[in-house]
Amino acid sequence: MFETVKGLVTSYMKNPRSIILAVISAKSERATQIVLKYAGEIDPEGSRTLGIITKPDTLDAGGEGEQSYVDLARNK
């Protein structure tokens, strides 16, 4: 089942006319959010990728996790 979903998602992402909307949750570790990997491989320059970070209020203020998501939002 996973391979079917992965194939469908990546086929849409590979279309040069598609905009990649990468929605990730701040409640989860960045490393576990596979959409970032796919978007980075398919659109390495980020010219078609728009990132959305949900639930940023769940992060600890000033913590390592917060800085990680701030860096991501700044494209670092």
PDB file of N, CA and C in Angstrom:
ATOM      1  N   MET A   1       0.816  -1.193   0.000  1.00  0.00           N
ATOM      2  CA  MET A   1       0.000   0.000   0.000  1.00  0.00           C
ATOM      3  C   MET A   1       0.863   1.262   0.000  1.00  0.00           C
ATOM      4  N   PHE A   2       1.935   1.255   0.828  1.00  0.00           N
ATOM      5  CA  PHE A   2       2.812   2.422   0.912  1.00  0.00           C
ATOM      6  C   PHE A   2       3.430   2.751  -0.442  1.00  0.00           C
ATOM      7  N   GLU A   3       3.878   1.742  -1.160  1.00  0.00           N
ATOM      8  CA  GLU A   3       4.508   1.966  -2.463  1.00  0.00           C
ATOM      9  C   GLU A   3       3.525   2.582  -3.460  1.00  0.00           C
ATOM     10  N   THR A   4       2.264   2.184  -3.393  1.00  0.00           N
ATOM     11  CA  THR A   4       1.247   2.741  -4.283  1.00  0.00           C
ATOM     12  C   THR A   4       1.059   4.231  -4.006  1.00  0.00           C
ATOM     13  N   VAL A   5       0.937   4.586  -2.735  1.00  0.00           N
ATOM     14  CA  VAL A   5       0.759   5.987  -2.346  1.00  0.00           C
ATOM     15  C   VAL A   5       2.005   6.792  -2.707  1.00  0.00           C
ATOM     16  N   LYS A   6       3.180   6.232  -2.419  1.00  0.00           N
ATOM     17  CA  LYS A   6       4.437   6.916  -2.742  1.00  0.00           C
ATOM     18  C   LYS A   6       4.533   7.180  -4.245  1.00  0.00           C
ATOM     19  N   GLY A   7       4.195   6.192  -5.056  1.00  0.00           N
ATOM     20  CA  GLY A   7       4.239   6.350  -6.504  1.00  0.00           C
ATOM     21  C   GLY A   7       3.293   7.428  -6.995  1.00  0.00           C
ATOM     22  N   LEU A   8       2.103   7.460  -6.441  1.00  0.00           N
ATOM     23  CA  LEU A   8       1.122   8.466  -6.838  1.00  0.00           C
ATOM     24  C   LEU A   8       1.587   9.871  -6.452  1.00  0.00           C
ATOM     25  N   VAL A   9       2.044  10.013  -5.218  1.00  0.00           N
ATOM     26  CA  VAL A   9       2.485  11.317  -4.734  1.00  0.00           C
ATOM     27  C   VAL A   9       3.693  11.824  -5.523  1.00  0.00           C
ATOM     28  N   THR A  10       4.687  10.977  -5.695  1.00  0.00           N
ATOM     29  CA  THR A  10       5.889  11.424  -6.407  1.00  0.00           C
ATOM     30  C   THR A  10       5.617  11.689  -7.881  1.00  0.00           C
ATOM     31  N   SER A  11       4.672  10.982  -8.471  1.00  0.00           N
ATOM     32  CA  SER A  11       4.349  11.256  -9.884  1.00  0.00           C
ATOM     33  C   SER A  11       3.768  12.658 -10.036  1.00  0.00           C
ATOM     34  N   TYR A  12       2.936  13.079  -9.099  1.00  0.00           N
ATOM     35  CA  TYR A  12       2.407  14.449  -9.141  1.00  0.00           C
ATOM     36  C   TYR A  12       3.502  15.464  -8.855  1.00  0.00           C
ATOM     37  N   MET A  13       4.381  15.151  -7.909  1.00  0.00           N
ATOM     38  CA  MET A  13       5.447  16.074  -7.558  1.00  0.00           C
ATOM     39  C   MET A  13       6.442  16.261  -8.694  1.00  0.00           C
ATOM     40  N   LYS A  14       6.656  15.229  -9.488  1.00  0.00           N
ATOM     41  CA  LYS A  14       7.623  15.303 -10.596  1.00  0.00           C
ATOM     42  C   LYS A  14       7.116  16.123 -11.779  1.00  0.00           C
ATOM     43  N   ASN A  15       5.824  16.324 -11.869  1.00  0.00           N
ATOM     44  CA  ASN A  15       5.263  17.121 -12.958  1.00  0.00           C
ATOM     45  C   ASN A  15       5.779  18.554 -12.822  1.00  0.00           C
ATOM     46  N   PRO A  16       6.495  19.075 -13.818  1.00  0.00           N
ATOM     47  CA  PRO A  16       7.077  20.414 -13.707  1.00  0.00           C
ATOM     48  C   PRO A  16       6.039  21.528 -13.587  1.00  0.00           C
ATOM     49  N   ARG A  17       4.788  21.227 -13.876  1.00  0.00           N
ATOM     50  CA  ARG A  17       3.727  22.235 -13.744  1.00  0.00           C
ATOM     51  C   ARG A  17       3.065  22.204 -12.371  1.00  0.00           C
ATOM     52  N   SER A  18       3.466  21.264 -11.535  1.00  0.00           N
ATOM     53  CA  SER A  18       2.872  21.130 -10.204  1.00  0.00           C
ATOM     54  C   SER A  18       3.609  21.998  -9.194  1.00  0.00           C
ATOM     55  N   ILE A  19       2.855  22.533  -8.251  1.00  0.00           N
ATOM     56  CA  ILE A  19       3.427  23.212  -7.094  1.00  0.00           C
ATOM     57  C   ILE A  19       3.412  22.202  -5.957  1.00  0.00           C
ATOM     58  N   ILE A  20       4.547  22.054  -5.301  1.00  0.00           N
ATOM     59  CA  ILE A  20       4.656  21.101  -4.204  1.00  0.00           C
ATOM     60  C   ILE A  20       4.322  21.829  -2.910  1.00  0.00           C
ATOM     61  N   LEU A  21       3.231  21.447  -2.291  1.00  0.00           N
ATOM     62  CA  LEU A  21       2.823  22.018  -1.011  1.00  0.00           C
ATOM     63  C   LEU A  21       3.238  21.027   0.072  1.00  0.00           C
ATOM     64  N   ALA A  22       4.322  21.344   0.753  1.00  0.00           N
ATOM     65  CA  ALA A  22       4.884  20.446   1.769  1.00  0.00           C
ATOM     66  C   ALA A  22       4.370  20.872   3.144  1.00  0.00           C
ATOM     67  N   VAL A  23       3.361  20.181   3.632  1.00  0.00           N
ATOM     68  CA  VAL A  23       2.764  20.485   4.935  1.00  0.00           C
ATOM     69  C   VAL A  23       3.366  19.540   5.971  1.00  0.00           C
ATOM     70  N   ILE A  24       3.991  20.134   6.994  1.00  0.00           N
ATOM     71  CA  ILE A  24       4.595  19.333   8.050  1.00  0.00           C
ATOM     72  C   ILE A  24       4.108  19.829   9.407  1.00  0.00           C
ATOM     73  N   SER A  25       4.136  18.953  10.379  1.00  0.00           N
ATOM     74  CA  SER A  25       3.690  19.275  11.729  1.00  0.00           C
ATOM     75  C   SER A  25       4.891  19.496  12.640  1.00  0.00           C
ATOM     76  N   ALA A  26       4.844  20.556  13.406  1.00  0.00           N
ATOM     77  CA  ALA A  26       5.919  20.825  14.366  1.00  0.00           C
ATOM     78  C   ALA A  26       5.865  19.860  15.543  1.00  0.00           C
ATOM     79  N   LYS A  27       4.800  19.073  15.646  1.00  0.00           N
ATOM     80  CA  LYS A  27       4.691  18.091  16.733  1.00  0.00           C
ATOM     81  C   LYS A  27       5.573  16.871  16.474  1.00  0.00           C
ATOM     82  N   SER A  28       6.013  16.693  15.241  1.00  0.00           N
ATOM     83  CA  SER A  28       6.837  15.544  14.877  1.00  0.00           C
ATOM     84  C   SER A  28       8.255  15.990  14.558  1.00  0.00           C
ATOM     85  N   GLU A  29       9.181  15.067  14.679  1.00  0.00           N
ATOM     86  CA  GLU A  29      10.569  15.351  14.319  1.00  0.00           C
ATOM     87  C   GLU A  29      10.671  15.615  12.820  1.00  0.00           C
ATOM     88  N   ARG A  30      11.509  16.552  12.448  1.00  0.00           N
ATOM     89  CA  ARG A  30      11.697  16.859  11.023  1.00  0.00           C
ATOM     90  C   ARG A  30      12.164  15.642  10.247  1.00  0.00           C
ATOM     91  N   ALA A  31      13.021  14.846  10.841  1.00  0.00           N
ATOM     92  CA  ALA A  31      13.607  13.699  10.148  1.00  0.00           C
ATOM     93  C   ALA A  31      12.567  12.655   9.758  1.00  0.00           C
ATOM     94  N   THR A  32      11.447  12.620  10.454  1.00  0.00           N
ATOM     95  CA  THR A  32      10.430  11.611  10.170  1.00  0.00           C
ATOM     96  C   THR A  32       9.409  12.078   9.139  1.00  0.00           C
ATOM     97  N   GLN A  33       9.510  13.297   8.676  1.00  0.00           N
ATOM     98  CA  GLN A  33       8.530  13.840   7.746  1.00  0.00           C
ATOM     99  C   GLN A  33       9.071  13.693   6.325  1.00  0.00           C
ATOM    100  N   ILE A  34       8.636  12.643   5.685  1.00  0.00           N
ATOM    101  CA  ILE A  34       9.202  12.196   4.417  1.00  0.00           C
ATOM    102  C   ILE A  34       8.942  13.163   3.265  1.00  0.00           C
ATOM    103  N   VAL A  35       7.933  14.011   3.393  1.00  0.00           N
ATOM    104  CA  VAL A  35       7.648  14.958   2.316  1.00  0.00           C
ATOM    105  C   VAL A  35       8.843  15.890   2.080  1.00  0.00           C
ATOM    106  N   LEU A  36       9.599  16.173   3.133  1.00  0.00           N
ATOM    107  CA  LEU A  36      10.786  17.020   2.973  1.00  0.00           C
ATOM    108  C   LEU A  36      11.840  16.332   2.111  1.00  0.00           C
ATOM    109  N   LYS A  37      11.989  15.027   2.294  1.00  0.00           N
ATOM    110  CA  LYS A  37      12.947  14.263   1.499  1.00  0.00           C
ATOM    111  C   LYS A  37      12.529  14.256   0.029  1.00  0.00           C
ATOM    112  N   TYR A  38      11.271  13.939  -0.213  1.00  0.00           N
ATOM    113  CA  TYR A  38      10.783  13.891  -1.598  1.00  0.00           C
ATOM    114  C   TYR A  38      10.896  15.258  -2.266  1.00  0.00           C
ATOM    115  N   ALA A  39      10.479  16.306  -1.580  1.00  0.00           N
ATOM    116  CA  ALA A  39      10.536  17.649  -2.156  1.00  0.00           C
ATOM    117  C   ALA A  39      11.983  18.050  -2.461  1.00  0.00           C
ATOM    118  N   GLY A  40      12.897  17.707  -1.557  1.00  0.00           N
ATOM    119  CA  GLY A  40      14.309  18.030  -1.769  1.00  0.00           C
ATOM    120  C   GLY A  40      14.917  17.301  -2.949  1.00  0.00           C
ATOM    121  N   GLU A  41      14.493  16.062  -3.154  1.00  0.00           N
ATOM    122  CA  GLU A  41      15.007  15.281  -4.284  1.00  0.00           C
ATOM    123  C   GLU A  41      14.407  15.738  -5.610  1.00  0.00           C
ATOM    124  N   ILE A  42      13.120  16.014  -5.613  1.00  0.00           N
ATOM    125  CA  ILE A  42      12.414  16.327  -6.847  1.00  0.00           C
ATOM    126  C   ILE A  42      12.574  17.794  -7.245  1.00  0.00           C
ATOM    127  N   ASP A  43      12.634  18.690  -6.263  1.00  0.00           N
ATOM    128  CA  ASP A  43      12.771  20.129  -6.523  1.00  0.00           C
ATOM    129  C   ASP A  43      13.911  20.682  -5.670  1.00  0.00           C
ATOM    130  N   PRO A  44      15.159  20.327  -6.010  1.00  0.00           N
ATOM    131  CA  PRO A  44      16.297  20.702  -5.152  1.00  0.00           C
ATOM    132  C   PRO A  44      16.481  22.215  -4.986  1.00  0.00           C
ATOM    133  N   GLU A  45      16.072  23.001  -5.969  1.00  0.00           N
ATOM    134  CA  GLU A  45      16.207  24.454  -5.855  1.00  0.00           C
ATOM    135  C   GLU A  45      15.062  25.072  -5.060  1.00  0.00           C
ATOM    136  N   GLY A  46      14.004  24.316  -4.863  1.00  0.00           N
ATOM    137  CA  GLY A  46      12.863  24.813  -4.112  1.00  0.00           C
ATOM    138  C   GLY A  46      12.018  25.826  -4.859  1.00  0.00           C
ATOM    139  N   SER A  47      12.146  25.865  -6.162  1.00  0.00           N
ATOM    140  CA  SER A  47      11.411  26.858  -6.946  1.00  0.00           C
ATOM    141  C   SER A  47       9.925  26.550  -7.069  1.00  0.00           C
ATOM    142  N   ARG A  48       9.535  25.294  -6.855  1.00  0.00           N
ATOM    143  CA  ARG A  48       8.121  24.914  -6.939  1.00  0.00           C
ATOM    144  C   ARG A  48       7.571  24.446  -5.605  1.00  0.00           C
ATOM    145  N   THR A  49       8.349  24.605  -4.545  1.00  0.00           N
ATOM    146  CA  THR A  49       7.948  24.074  -3.248  1.00  0.00           C
ATOM    147  C   THR A  49       7.548  25.199  -2.299  1.00  0.00           C
ATOM    148  N   LEU A  50       6.401  25.015  -1.661  1.00  0.00           N
ATOM    149  CA  LEU A  50       5.924  25.936  -0.638  1.00  0.00           C
ATOM    150  C   LEU A  50       5.740  25.130   0.634  1.00  0.00           C
ATOM    151  N   GLY A  51       6.410  25.540   1.687  1.00  0.00           N
ATOM    152  CA  GLY A  51       6.337  24.806   2.943  1.00  0.00           C
ATOM    153  C   GLY A  51       5.343  25.434   3.914  1.00  0.00           C
ATOM    154  N   ILE A  52       4.600  24.589   4.595  1.00  0.00           N
ATOM    155  CA  ILE A  52       3.658  25.010   5.628  1.00  0.00           C
ATOM    156  C   ILE A  52       4.012  24.244   6.895  1.00  0.00           C
ATOM    157  N   ILE A  53       4.229  24.958   7.987  1.00  0.00           N
ATOM    158  CA  ILE A  53       4.518  24.325   9.274  1.00  0.00           C
ATOM    159  C   ILE A  53       3.291  24.522  10.165  1.00  0.00           C
ATOM    160  N   THR A  54       2.663  23.407  10.535  1.00  0.00           N
ATOM    161  CA  THR A  54       1.490  23.485  11.401  1.00  0.00           C
ATOM    162  C   THR A  54       1.882  23.243  12.854  1.00  0.00           C
ATOM    163  N   LYS A  55       1.066  23.690  13.754  1.00  0.00           N
ATOM    164  CA  LYS A  55       1.212  23.497  15.198  1.00  0.00           C
ATOM    165  C   LYS A  55       2.539  24.022  15.764  1.00  0.00           C
ATOM    166  N   PRO A  56       3.001  25.203  15.337  1.00  0.00           N
ATOM    167  CA  PRO A  56       4.259  25.722  15.881  1.00  0.00           C
ATOM    168  C   PRO A  56       4.156  26.086  17.359  1.00  0.00           C
ATOM    169  N   ASP A  57       2.933  26.270  17.863  1.00  0.00           N
ATOM    170  CA  ASP A  57       2.747  26.613  19.271  1.00  0.00           C
ATOM    171  C   ASP A  57       3.081  25.459  20.212  1.00  0.00           C
ATOM    172  N   THR A  58       3.273  24.258  19.670  1.00  0.00           N
ATOM    173  CA  THR A  58       3.603  23.107  20.519  1.00  0.00           C
ATOM    174  C   THR A  58       5.100  23.012  20.817  1.00  0.00           C
ATOM    175  N   LEU A  59       5.908  23.826  20.170  1.00  0.00           N
ATOM    176  CA  LEU A  59       7.353  23.791  20.396  1.00  0.00           C
ATOM    177  C   LEU A  59       7.715  24.539  21.668  1.00  0.00           C
ATOM    178  N   ASP A  60       8.790  24.114  22.332  1.00  0.00           N
ATOM    179  CA  ASP A  60       9.288  24.811  23.512  1.00  0.00           C
ATOM    180  C   ASP A  60      10.020  26.071  23.072  1.00  0.00           C
ATOM    181  N   ALA A  61       9.616  27.208  23.634  1.00  0.00           N
ATOM    182  CA  ALA A  61      10.230  28.487  23.272  1.00  0.00           C
ATOM    183  C   ALA A  61      11.721  28.454  23.568  1.00  0.00           C
ATOM    184  N   GLY A  62      12.524  28.785  22.578  1.00  0.00           N
ATOM    185  CA  GLY A  62      13.972  28.816  22.736  1.00  0.00           C
ATOM    186  C   GLY A  62      14.645  27.462  22.682  1.00  0.00           C
ATOM    187  N   GLY A  63      13.874  26.408  22.481  1.00  0.00           N
ATOM    188  CA  GLY A  63      14.436  25.068  22.452  1.00  0.00           C
ATOM    189  C   GLY A  63      15.067  24.719  21.116  1.00  0.00           C
ATOM    190  N   GLU A  64      15.747  23.589  21.097  1.00  0.00           N
ATOM    191  CA  GLU A  64      16.419  23.117  19.884  1.00  0.00           C
ATOM    192  C   GLU A  64      15.410  22.848  18.764  1.00  0.00           C
ATOM    193  N   GLY A  65      14.270  22.292  19.115  1.00  0.00           N
ATOM    194  CA  GLY A  65      13.229  22.005  18.124  1.00  0.00           C
ATOM    195  C   GLY A  65      12.704  23.266  17.478  1.00  0.00           C
ATOM    196  N   GLU A  66      12.514  24.300  18.276  1.00  0.00           N
ATOM    197  CA  GLU A  66      12.032  25.572  17.732  1.00  0.00           C
ATOM    198  C   GLU A  66      13.031  26.126  16.718  1.00  0.00           C
ATOM    199  N   GLN A  67      14.303  26.118  17.079  1.00  0.00           N
ATOM    200  CA  GLN A  67      15.332  26.645  16.181  1.00  0.00           C
ATOM    201  C   GLN A  67      15.403  25.833  14.896  1.00  0.00           C
ATOM    202  N   SER A  68      15.199  24.539  14.994  1.00  0.00           N
ATOM    203  CA  SER A  68      15.218  23.680  13.818  1.00  0.00           C
ATOM    204  C   SER A  68      14.125  24.085  12.831  1.00  0.00           C
ATOM    205  N   TYR A  69      12.927  24.352  13.342  1.00  0.00           N
ATOM    206  CA  TYR A  69      11.825  24.745  12.469  1.00  0.00           C
ATOM    207  C   TYR A  69      11.964  26.179  11.971  1.00  0.00           C
ATOM    208  N   VAL A  70      12.576  27.058  12.768  1.00  0.00           N
ATOM    209  CA  VAL A  70      12.847  28.428  12.305  1.00  0.00           C
ATOM    210  C   VAL A  70      13.836  28.374  11.145  1.00  0.00           C
ATOM    211  N   ASP A  71      14.866  27.554  11.272  1.00  0.00           N
ATOM    212  CA  ASP A  71      15.837  27.390  10.194  1.00  0.00           C
ATOM    213  C   ASP A  71      15.167  26.833   8.937  1.00  0.00           C
ATOM    214  N   LEU A  72      14.278  25.883   9.112  1.00  0.00           N
ATOM    215  CA  LEU A  72      13.560  25.323   7.978  1.00  0.00           C
ATOM    216  C   LEU A  72      12.715  26.388   7.295  1.00  0.00           C
ATOM    217  N   ALA A  73      12.015  27.196   8.074  1.00  0.00           N
ATOM    218  CA  ALA A  73      11.176  28.257   7.520  1.00  0.00           C
ATOM    219  C   ALA A  73      12.021  29.295   6.771  1.00  0.00           C
ATOM    220  N   ARG A  74      13.244  29.477   7.197  1.00  0.00           N
ATOM    221  CA  ARG A  74      14.151  30.427   6.543  1.00  0.00           C
ATOM    222  C   ARG A  74      14.931  29.801   5.391  1.00  0.00           C
ATOM    223  N   ASN A  75      14.625  28.543   5.108  1.00  0.00           N
ATOM    224  CA  ASN A  75      15.266  27.818   4.002  1.00  0.00           C
ATOM    225  C   ASN A  75      16.754  27.567   4.252  1.00  0.00           C
ATOM    226  N   LYS A  76      17.132  27.329   5.477  1.00  0.00           N
ATOM    227  CA  LYS A  76      18.534  27.053   5.813  1.00  0.00           C
ATOM    228  C   LYS A  76      18.746  25.573   5.976  1.00  0.00           C
TER     229      LYS A  76
END
